[in-house]
Structures are given as structure tokens and as C-alpha cells.
Protein backbone atom coordinates (compact mmCIF):
# COMPACT_ATOMS: atom_id res chain seq x y z
CA UNK A 1 111.80 109.87 109.67
CA UNK A 2 112.95 113.26 109.52
CA UNK A 3 111.15 115.54 109.67
CA UNK A 4 103.80 116.01 110.13
CA UNK A 5 103.39 118.48 112.54
CA UNK A 6 101.21 121.29 111.55
CA UNK A 7 101.09 124.77 112.86
CA UNK A 8 99.17 124.79 116.08
CA UNK A 9 95.81 125.74 114.59
CA UNK A 10 96.14 123.10 111.90
CA UNK A 11 96.65 120.09 114.09
CA UNK A 12 94.21 117.38 115.01
CA UNK A 13 95.15 115.31 118.04
CA UNK A 14 92.96 112.24 118.50
CA UNK A 15 93.64 110.46 121.74
CA UNK A 16 94.52 106.83 122.28
CA UNK A 17 97.44 104.56 121.51
CA UNK A 18 97.62 101.71 119.08
CA UNK A 19 98.36 98.27 120.43
CA UNK A 20 98.77 96.61 117.05
CA UNK A 21 98.68 97.07 113.30
CA UNK A 22 95.16 97.12 111.84
CA UNK A 23 94.51 95.05 108.71
CA UNK A 24 95.19 97.12 105.61
CA UNK A 25 94.19 96.67 101.96
CA UNK A 26 96.83 95.89 99.35
CA UNK A 27 98.24 99.11 97.87
CA UNK A 28 97.59 100.31 94.32
CA UNK A 29 100.45 101.41 92.08
CA UNK A 30 98.61 104.20 90.21
CA UNK A 31 95.53 106.34 90.76
CA UNK A 32 93.25 108.42 88.62
CA UNK A 33 93.51 112.19 89.14
CA UNK A 34 91.08 112.17 92.06
CA UNK A 35 90.81 108.45 92.71
CA UNK A 36 91.61 107.35 96.25
CA UNK A 37 91.83 110.91 97.58
CA UNK A 38 89.11 113.21 98.76
CA UNK A 39 88.46 116.49 97.00
CA UNK A 40 88.36 119.61 99.15
CA UNK A 41 85.68 122.24 98.83
CA UNK A 42 86.75 125.56 100.25
CA UNK A 43 83.57 125.73 102.32
CA UNK A 44 84.71 122.52 104.04
CA UNK A 45 88.12 123.84 105.08
CA UNK A 46 88.20 124.67 108.77
CA UNK A 47 89.54 128.23 108.73
CA UNK A 48 90.55 128.09 112.39
CA UNK A 49 92.55 124.91 111.92
CA UNK A 50 93.93 125.77 108.48
CA UNK A 51 93.99 129.59 108.19
CA UNK A 52 96.48 129.69 105.31
CA UNK A 53 94.64 127.00 103.35
CA UNK A 54 91.09 128.25 103.82
CA UNK A 55 91.58 131.23 101.53
CA UNK A 56 94.18 132.22 98.92
CA UNK A 57 96.49 135.01 100.09
CA UNK A 58 96.34 138.57 98.90
CA UNK A 59 98.99 138.81 96.22
CA UNK A 60 99.90 141.73 94.05
CA UNK A 61 98.85 141.57 90.43
CA UNK A 62 102.46 141.79 89.28
CA UNK A 63 103.66 138.88 91.44
CA UNK A 64 100.70 136.78 90.38
CA UNK A 65 101.33 137.54 86.72
CA UNK A 66 105.02 136.67 87.02
CA UNK A 67 104.13 133.41 88.78
CA UNK A 68 101.58 132.54 86.10
CA UNK A 69 104.10 133.18 83.33
CA UNK A 70 107.00 131.28 84.94
CA UNK A 71 105.05 128.36 86.39
CA UNK A 72 102.85 127.71 83.38
CA UNK A 73 105.84 127.79 81.04
CA UNK A 74 107.81 125.45 83.30
CA UNK A 75 104.96 122.97 83.70
CA UNK A 76 104.36 122.92 79.95
CA UNK A 77 108.08 122.60 79.14
CA UNK A 78 108.36 119.63 81.51
CA UNK A 79 105.29 117.98 79.98
CA UNK A 80 103.30 118.10 83.21
CA UNK A 81 100.24 119.88 81.78
CA UNK A 82 100.36 118.76 78.14
CA UNK A 83 99.36 115.11 77.65
CA UNK A 84 100.66 114.93 74.09
CA UNK A 85 104.11 116.01 75.24
CA UNK A 86 104.45 113.33 77.89
CA UNK A 87 102.62 110.20 76.85
CA UNK A 88 102.31 107.98 79.89
CA UNK A 89 103.99 110.59 82.10
CA UNK A 90 102.58 112.23 85.21
CA UNK A 91 100.14 115.10 84.74
CA UNK A 92 99.15 118.05 86.90
CA UNK A 93 95.54 119.23 86.65
CA UNK A 94 94.64 122.76 87.76
CA UNK A 95 91.14 123.16 89.20
CA UNK A 96 91.51 126.78 90.31
CA UNK A 97 94.29 128.44 88.29
CA UNK A 98 93.72 131.90 89.78
CA UNK A 99 94.07 130.73 93.38
CA UNK A 100 97.02 128.48 92.44
CA UNK A 101 98.98 131.34 90.83
CA UNK A 102 98.19 133.72 93.68
CA UNK A 103 99.52 131.25 96.23
CA UNK A 104 102.70 130.50 94.27
CA UNK A 105 103.23 134.20 93.55
CA UNK A 106 102.91 135.06 97.22
CA UNK A 107 104.53 132.09 98.97
CA UNK A 108 106.46 130.07 96.41
CA UNK A 109 106.75 126.37 97.27
CA UNK A 110 104.78 126.80 100.49
CA UNK A 111 101.93 128.18 98.39
CA UNK A 112 102.35 125.31 95.92
CA UNK A 113 101.82 122.80 98.74
CA UNK A 114 98.98 124.75 100.34
CA UNK A 115 97.26 124.91 96.97
CA UNK A 116 97.34 121.10 96.87
CA UNK A 117 96.00 120.93 100.42
CA UNK A 118 93.16 123.24 99.34
CA UNK A 119 92.29 120.98 96.41
CA UNK A 120 93.14 123.63 93.80
CA UNK A 121 95.21 121.12 91.82
CA UNK A 122 95.56 117.36 91.58
CA UNK A 123 97.65 114.80 89.77
CA UNK A 124 97.23 111.30 88.41
CA UNK A 125 100.69 110.63 89.88
CA UNK A 126 101.58 113.11 92.61
CA UNK A 127 104.98 111.59 93.43
CA UNK A 128 105.79 111.50 89.71
CA UNK A 129 104.96 115.19 89.22
CA UNK A 130 107.03 116.17 92.24
CA UNK A 131 109.94 113.98 91.07
CA UNK A 132 110.02 115.77 87.71
CA UNK A 133 109.95 119.15 89.47
CA UNK A 134 112.68 118.10 91.94
CA UNK A 135 114.91 116.89 89.10
CA UNK A 136 114.59 120.28 87.38
CA UNK A 137 114.36 122.53 90.44
CA UNK A 138 117.29 124.69 89.38
CA UNK A 139 115.66 125.38 86.01
CA UNK A 140 112.23 126.48 87.22
CA UNK A 141 113.23 130.08 87.96
CA UNK A 142 115.54 132.03 85.61
CA UNK A 143 118.99 132.74 87.05
CA UNK A 144 118.50 136.53 87.34
CA UNK A 145 115.37 136.03 89.44
CA UNK A 146 117.06 133.40 91.61
CA UNK A 147 119.43 136.09 92.85
CA UNK A 148 116.41 137.96 94.18
CA UNK A 149 115.01 135.02 96.18
CA UNK A 150 115.62 136.83 99.49
CA UNK A 151 112.98 139.36 98.45
CA UNK A 152 110.17 136.80 98.27
CA UNK A 153 111.04 133.87 100.53
CA UNK A 154 110.13 133.92 104.24
CA UNK A 155 112.66 133.28 106.96
CA UNK A 156 112.14 130.54 109.52
CA UNK A 157 110.21 131.57 112.65
CA UNK A 158 112.40 132.21 115.69
CA UNK A 159 109.86 130.22 117.72
CA UNK A 160 110.96 127.02 115.93
CA UNK A 161 114.50 127.12 117.37
CA UNK A 162 115.53 123.86 119.02
CA UNK A 163 116.23 125.10 122.50
CA UNK A 164 115.46 122.45 125.10
CA UNK A 165 111.87 123.67 125.37
CA UNK A 166 111.59 124.30 121.64
CA UNK A 167 112.94 120.87 120.70
CA UNK A 168 110.38 119.14 122.92
CA UNK A 169 107.55 121.17 121.35
CA UNK A 170 108.80 120.56 117.81
CA UNK A 171 109.12 116.81 118.34
CA UNK A 172 105.70 116.57 119.96
CA UNK A 173 104.09 118.46 117.09
CA UNK A 174 105.04 115.59 114.80
CA UNK A 175 105.40 112.37 116.76
CA UNK A 176 102.68 112.95 119.35
CA UNK A 177 99.89 113.41 116.80
CA UNK A 178 98.68 109.85 117.44
CA UNK A 179 100.39 106.47 117.56
CA UNK A 180 97.36 105.12 115.73
CA UNK A 181 98.08 107.39 112.75
CA UNK A 182 101.53 105.91 112.27
CA UNK A 183 100.29 102.34 112.56
CA UNK A 184 98.03 103.03 109.57
CA UNK A 185 100.94 103.16 107.14
CA UNK A 186 104.02 101.74 108.88
CA UNK A 187 104.80 98.01 108.93
CA UNK A 188 104.51 95.96 112.15
CA UNK A 189 108.03 96.96 113.28
CA UNK A 190 106.80 100.59 113.51
CA UNK A 191 110.11 101.74 112.02
CA UNK A 192 109.92 105.30 110.66
CA UNK A 193 113.18 105.50 108.71
CA UNK A 194 114.58 104.07 105.49
CA UNK A 195 114.52 100.33 105.01
CA UNK A 196 117.23 98.36 103.19
CA UNK A 197 115.83 96.08 100.48
CA UNK A 198 117.38 93.24 98.49
CA UNK A 199 115.70 94.28 95.21
CA UNK A 200 113.20 96.61 93.52
CA UNK A 201 110.30 97.02 93.21
CA UNK A 202 109.66 96.17 96.84
CA UNK A 203 106.43 94.85 98.32
CA UNK A 204 104.89 96.07 101.56
CA UNK A 205 105.18 92.53 102.95
CA UNK A 206 108.97 92.85 102.59
CA UNK A 207 109.20 95.94 104.81
CA UNK A 208 109.68 94.24 108.22
CA UNK A 209 112.62 92.18 106.97
CA UNK A 210 114.06 95.20 105.16
CA UNK A 211 113.80 97.32 108.31
CA UNK A 212 115.51 94.62 110.36
CA UNK A 213 118.26 94.43 107.71
CA UNK A 214 118.84 98.18 108.10
CA UNK A 215 118.80 97.99 111.92
CA UNK A 216 121.12 94.99 112.02
CA UNK A 217 123.60 96.76 109.74
CA UNK A 218 123.70 99.69 112.19
CA UNK A 219 124.11 97.35 115.16
CA UNK A 220 126.95 95.60 113.33
CA UNK A 221 128.62 98.93 112.50
CA UNK A 222 128.58 99.82 116.20
CA UNK A 223 129.65 96.26 117.13
CA UNK A 224 126.67 95.79 119.44
CA UNK A 225 126.60 92.37 121.07
CA UNK A 226 126.24 90.58 124.39
CA UNK A 227 127.03 92.97 127.25
CA UNK A 228 127.38 96.10 125.08
CA UNK A 229 126.33 99.32 126.81
CA UNK A 230 124.35 101.05 124.06
CA UNK A 231 122.95 104.57 124.01
CA UNK A 232 120.29 105.24 121.40
CA UNK A 233 119.37 108.86 120.68
CA UNK A 234 115.90 108.88 119.15
CA UNK A 235 113.83 105.90 120.33
CA UNK A 236 111.13 105.80 117.70
CA UNK A 237 108.74 103.06 118.77
CA UNK A 238 111.54 100.88 120.11
CA UNK A 239 112.41 98.43 117.35
CA UNK A 240 116.16 99.09 117.34
CA UNK A 241 116.28 98.86 121.14
CA UNK A 242 114.43 95.54 120.94
CA UNK A 243 116.89 94.15 118.36
CA UNK A 244 119.87 95.32 120.40
CA UNK A 245 118.51 93.87 123.66
CA UNK A 246 117.86 90.55 121.92
CA UNK A 247 121.61 90.48 121.17
CA UNK A 248 122.29 90.84 124.90
CA UNK A 249 123.01 94.57 124.96
CA UNK A 250 122.00 96.90 127.79
CA UNK A 251 120.19 99.80 126.12
CA UNK A 252 119.47 103.34 127.25
CA UNK A 253 117.26 105.04 124.69
CA UNK A 254 116.22 108.72 124.68
CA UNK A 255 113.16 110.40 123.20
CA UNK A 256 111.20 113.62 123.62
CA UNK A 257 107.92 112.06 122.46
CA UNK A 258 105.69 110.85 125.29
CA UNK A 259 103.51 108.94 122.81
CA UNK A 260 106.50 107.07 121.42
CA UNK A 261 107.93 106.41 124.87
CA UNK A 262 104.69 104.90 126.12
CA UNK A 263 104.25 102.51 123.21
CA UNK A 264 107.97 101.64 123.11
CA UNK A 265 107.87 100.66 126.78
CA UNK A 266 104.78 98.54 126.19
CA UNK A 267 106.41 96.73 123.26
CA UNK A 268 109.61 96.17 125.22
CA UNK A 269 107.67 94.81 128.19
CA UNK A 270 105.66 92.50 125.92
CA UNK A 271 108.95 91.11 124.59
CA UNK A 272 110.17 90.46 128.15
CA UNK A 273 113.15 92.80 127.73
CA UNK A 274 112.34 95.57 130.22
CA UNK A 275 115.35 94.60 132.30
CA UNK A 276 117.64 95.35 129.35
CA UNK A 277 116.08 98.56 127.98
CA UNK A 278 115.61 101.88 129.76
CA UNK A 279 113.39 104.31 127.81
CA UNK A 280 113.95 107.87 129.01
CA UNK A 281 112.11 111.09 128.20
CA UNK A 282 115.29 113.11 127.94
CA UNK A 283 116.98 115.62 125.63
CA UNK A 284 120.13 114.31 123.91
CA UNK A 285 122.05 117.19 125.53
CA UNK A 286 121.28 115.70 128.93
CA UNK A 287 122.46 112.16 128.19
CA UNK A 288 124.26 110.58 131.15
CA UNK A 289 127.00 107.99 131.46
CA UNK A 290 129.58 106.50 129.07
CA UNK A 291 128.65 103.84 126.57
CA UNK A 292 130.44 101.32 124.37
CA UNK A 293 128.26 102.27 121.41
CA UNK A 294 125.97 105.12 120.42
CA UNK A 295 123.38 104.84 117.63
CA UNK A 296 121.19 107.62 116.29
CA UNK A 297 118.86 107.04 113.34
CA UNK A 298 117.55 110.05 111.40
CA UNK A 299 117.64 112.22 114.50
CA UNK A 300 120.15 114.83 113.33
CA UNK A 301 117.56 116.22 110.89
CA UNK A 302 115.46 117.37 113.85
CA UNK A 303 118.36 119.02 115.69
CA UNK A 304 118.69 122.20 113.62
CA UNK A 305 121.94 123.62 112.20
CA UNK A 306 122.41 125.89 115.20
CA UNK A 307 122.77 122.83 117.45
CA UNK A 308 124.68 120.35 115.26
CA UNK A 309 127.92 120.93 117.16
CA UNK A 310 126.04 120.38 120.45
CA UNK A 311 124.62 117.14 119.02
CA UNK A 312 128.01 115.73 118.00
CA UNK A 313 129.56 116.92 121.25
CA UNK A 314 126.87 115.01 123.15
CA UNK A 315 127.59 111.88 121.08
CA UNK A 316 131.31 112.20 121.77
CA UNK A 317 130.79 112.85 125.49
CA UNK A 318 128.61 109.71 125.79
CA UNK A 319 131.23 107.48 124.18
CA UNK A 320 133.52 105.30 126.29
CA UNK A 321 137.17 105.03 125.15
CA UNK A 322 137.33 102.92 122.01
CA UNK A 323 133.59 103.17 121.46
CA UNK A 324 131.79 103.48 118.13
CA UNK A 325 128.97 105.68 116.85
CA UNK A 326 126.61 104.49 114.10
CA UNK A 327 124.68 107.34 112.55
CA UNK A 328 121.95 107.28 109.91
CA UNK A 329 121.14 110.61 108.30
CA UNK A 330 119.25 112.01 105.35
CA UNK A 331 121.52 114.39 103.42
CA UNK A 332 121.25 117.02 100.68
CA UNK A 333 123.79 119.00 98.66
CA UNK A 334 125.67 121.66 100.59
CA UNK A 335 124.48 124.68 98.60
CA UNK A 336 120.89 123.41 98.72
CA UNK A 337 121.26 123.02 102.48
CA UNK A 338 122.48 126.60 102.87
CA UNK A 339 119.51 127.92 100.88
CA UNK A 340 117.07 125.73 102.82
CA UNK A 341 118.53 126.77 106.18
CA UNK A 342 117.65 130.38 105.45
CA UNK A 343 114.14 129.66 104.18
CA UNK A 344 110.79 128.82 105.74
CA UNK A 345 109.69 125.84 103.64
CA UNK A 346 106.56 123.72 103.33
CA UNK A 347 108.29 121.01 105.36
CA UNK A 348 109.39 123.37 108.13
CA UNK A 349 105.91 124.94 108.31
CA UNK A 350 103.74 121.85 108.19
CA UNK A 351 105.89 118.77 108.81
CA UNK A 352 109.09 119.19 110.83
CA UNK A 353 109.28 122.58 112.56
CA UNK A 354 112.84 123.43 113.46
CA UNK A 355 114.28 120.65 111.33
CA UNK A 356 116.97 120.85 108.65
CA UNK A 357 118.55 118.10 106.56
CA UNK A 358 122.36 118.39 106.73
CA UNK A 359 124.87 118.02 103.93
CA UNK A 360 127.69 115.50 104.11
CA UNK A 361 130.07 118.47 104.40
CA UNK A 362 128.15 119.81 107.41
CA UNK A 363 128.23 116.42 109.12
CA UNK A 364 131.97 116.07 108.50
CA UNK A 365 132.73 119.58 109.74
CA UNK A 366 130.66 119.47 112.92
CA UNK A 367 131.59 115.91 113.88
CA UNK A 368 135.30 116.70 113.41
CA UNK A 369 134.91 119.83 115.54
CA UNK A 370 133.53 117.58 118.29
CA UNK A 371 136.57 115.29 118.08
CA UNK A 372 135.04 112.55 115.94
CA UNK A 373 136.43 110.83 112.86
CA UNK A 374 134.37 109.37 110.00
CA UNK A 375 135.46 105.78 109.37
CA UNK A 376 132.70 104.67 106.99
CA UNK A 377 130.05 106.50 104.96
CA UNK A 378 127.64 104.60 102.71
CA UNK A 379 124.54 105.90 100.89
CA UNK A 380 121.40 104.14 99.71
CA UNK A 381 118.90 106.82 98.69
CA UNK A 382 117.02 104.61 96.22
CA UNK A 383 115.94 102.44 99.14
CA UNK A 384 114.36 105.43 100.86
CA UNK A 385 112.39 106.22 97.72
CA UNK A 386 110.98 102.68 97.81
CA UNK A 387 110.26 102.89 101.53
CA UNK A 388 108.35 106.14 101.03
CA UNK A 389 106.42 104.73 98.08
CA UNK A 390 105.20 101.85 100.21
CA UNK A 391 104.22 104.18 103.06
CA UNK A 392 102.45 106.55 100.66
CA UNK A 393 100.48 103.80 98.96
CA UNK A 394 99.46 102.30 102.28
CA UNK A 395 98.42 105.73 103.59
CA UNK A 396 96.34 106.70 100.55
CA UNK A 397 94.64 103.29 100.53
CA UNK A 398 93.78 103.73 104.21
CA UNK A 399 91.93 107.04 104.10
CA UNK A 400 88.82 105.63 105.84
CA UNK A 401 90.99 104.55 108.76
CA UNK A 402 92.69 107.96 108.92
CA UNK A 403 89.31 109.71 108.80
CA UNK A 404 88.04 107.47 111.60
CA UNK A 405 90.96 108.69 113.73
CA UNK A 406 89.69 112.27 113.37
CA UNK A 407 92.09 113.64 110.76
CA UNK A 408 90.30 115.79 108.21
CA UNK A 409 90.68 115.88 104.44
CA UNK A 410 93.08 118.83 104.45
CA UNK A 411 95.37 116.98 106.87
CA UNK A 412 95.23 113.87 104.69
CA UNK A 413 96.16 115.81 101.57
CA UNK A 414 98.99 117.48 103.51
CA UNK A 415 100.33 114.11 104.61
CA UNK A 416 100.06 112.66 101.11
CA UNK A 417 101.92 115.69 99.73
CA UNK A 418 104.61 115.28 102.42
CA UNK A 419 105.18 111.59 101.65
CA UNK A 420 105.18 112.22 97.88
CA UNK A 421 107.44 115.27 98.25
CA UNK A 422 109.93 113.22 100.26
CA UNK A 423 109.81 110.30 97.82
CA UNK A 424 110.46 112.71 94.95
CA UNK A 425 113.53 114.07 96.71
CA UNK A 426 115.13 110.63 96.80
CA UNK A 427 113.99 109.53 93.33
CA UNK A 428 115.46 112.68 91.76
CA UNK A 429 118.73 112.40 93.66
CA UNK A 430 118.12 115.69 95.44
CA UNK A 431 118.23 113.78 98.74
CA UNK A 432 120.24 110.79 99.93
CA UNK A 433 120.32 108.69 103.10
CA UNK A 434 123.60 107.54 104.56
CA UNK A 435 124.92 105.29 107.31
CA UNK A 436 128.13 106.49 108.94
CA UNK A 437 130.53 105.04 111.45
CA UNK A 438 132.24 107.57 113.71
CA UNK A 439 134.98 107.03 116.28
CA UNK A 440 137.15 109.21 118.46
CA UNK A 441 139.36 111.37 116.26
CA UNK A 442 142.55 109.85 117.62
CA UNK A 443 141.58 106.24 116.87
CA UNK A 444 141.38 104.28 113.57
């Protein structure tokens, strides 16, 4: 998936690689306000690891008062803090209103997320609360104040730019946390992108088949078969390369994550397919050779808007005449993308540094500029919402395993917020996920 890395001080990096999926309990569908998650006491927050969570920021009285007025009214209007107004609906419980309003007044949505990490608020249904907020995001701040957003939002750090060195650091800050962490909540295919289900609600046991269905659809789009020379940009833990090699393809797959590369190679060797798959620690800009097909799954979100043309140019350069590109990408509305591109967000600070979800318009513009033509474009965002729900439930039910890996309570609440936040984006329709087929611009 697109796009947690934390800021350097906030990261825990246990060593070791997983060799299999540990047994996990069956997930629960609903939790009490604090059931299944650990409360955080401020004295327990490691200030060196989590400097911006350990203490509320200094915020002016005026900003805090404005935040209190706007946020409290919005939460009440949406029925998130008034049980009688939303019978059976999700509820948000404030434990430390003063700290909560100071954080939101100072840092907006980043402060909202950090307040959750600090344990200053909870919910009986975190994904549900965030879905309601995402569905009404344009109504939370009055229009006159929205025009002043540049006065209170932070810009993205220049250090997060996806230069060759920066891209490697950004990828490692997420994917090199620990292979064992990802095995806690992913299914045995270790596929970290949207699955494709046959019906809802989905069960965790259905994830492997649903992930293979998604992968096979991409392989079919790119017409991967016996003898196909396939380039994959973004290896993950190797499942797509394994499926392609089993069809008889010769696969070159690129990643910047040493942890992913190591486990992918081990899985490929265990399947007896090392002669068909070459896993390379290499930037997409340095891809070599020409290939019959190119596939890239949820990689463009990590590229950064500044480098989207370079990304599509690299795809085009790697394509042999008559070849096909199958692309899977998360997308958002174009105006939302433009606002997000100019803003340091909770996701860019704590989850995917340097990342940005593109709009369909941005994909079309940059791919066309690189000489590519969109032949097919299909969306299935509801399936990502289900995928994320299953990951979130498995993660929250596996807190003892996460703790045993060395990840503290603040990290766990951050990860739960990230998974719920992402699920809410798809459930509200704010986000979508799409599979596209691209060819050379001069060919049908």
C-alpha cells in the first residue's frame, strides 16, 4: 500500500525477518471505546521517540478557542459526540479536551491524529468516526476560513523530496520497519495492496484468493504468459512475481526496500522459481532493458508529484514495441490532490514521507506527456475499504504480537489510526483505487 514510517525519532526498528504467518485470533467487528487498544498515559510516552505526541503544542488562546468552537460544533452536528443524535452510530469520546483543542488549533488534522496517538480521545468505532468526518470534510470549516488555510497549514519538508537518495530513505522508513510487523496483519500472500472480492462483507480467510484475483487481473491486462519478459516496479514481498513466473514469464522486479527484497528472494527460492525471477535493489529511474510488459502496483503514490513524469517516462522507456503497462493506483479528486500536495499531512509526517496520491487527471496528463495512452481504467474503491477493514481488525486483535516485536503503544495507536483513516477514505468515496492499461500513444 501506499503510503508507516514515522519521523526518525518516532520509529522502532526491531530486527529479524518473518519466515511465515503466525497464528492469529479471529477478528472482532466492533469494540468498546477502549476495548482491544491500550490507553496511553502521558508519562509513558517516550518524548525522544515521539516529541510531538509527548506534550501538547503551545497554541495561542485565540486559535484554541476557534478550534474548540468549530470542532465541537461540527462533532455535535454530525452526531459524533451526542449519543441521542446518532443511535447506533460511531461516537468520539474526549478524555483531555484542552489538549485536543490545542493540538487541532495548532496543527489541524496532524494535531487531530497526534491527539489520538496521545490517548486524548478514543472511539467505539474509529473507522466509523473517520468515515463520517471524511464524508463531510468540506463542511467542517466555514468557506471564509478555508480561504485562509495557507496561514495555518504546514508545507511539506524539503527533506522528503523523492530524489534517488530521498526515495530510498522514504521507502525504508515504511517498508523496512520489520517484515514481522507486516506478517501480523497481512494474509499469507503478504500482499499490501487492495484485494478484489466476489462479495461483501469479506472474511479474512478470503483474502489470499481475493489478492490472487487482483494479481491475475493485472497479469491478464498486461497479457503476461509463457515467455513474457515482465518488469515489475515495486516488488512488495514477491507475490505478483511468483504468480507471473508460475505462468512462465521471466520477471525482473525492482524495490528500494532491503527487507522486502530479502524475504521476496527467500519466498521465490522456496517456490523453486529463482531462475525466472530477478529481484533487484534498484530505483525505477535506473531500470534497464526492454520488456514485453510492465506492471506497477500502488507504487506511483510513493513517487511524489515532482517525479510523476519521470515515473511514466521510465515505464515508457522500459516497454518493448507493442508492449503493455498494467498500473494499479489509489486516486483522489483533482482539487483535493492539489490541496494535499501543498500540505504537510498526518500521512506524510507519520506514514508515507514524500508520498502523494494522484488524481485520475494527473495520471492522464503525465502518462500522455510520456507518450502513453490509457486503454482501460476501472475502479473498485469499495474493495479497498474491505481490505483495510480486514487488516485493521487483524492488527488490533494482534496487539500482544505487535508489542512483542518491540513496537510501543503510541506506535500501535498511530498504525490503527492510519489503517482506519485509509479505510474511511475509501468508504466515504474520498479515495478510489483503479487498474489501468497503458500502451504506446501511437498504438490501440
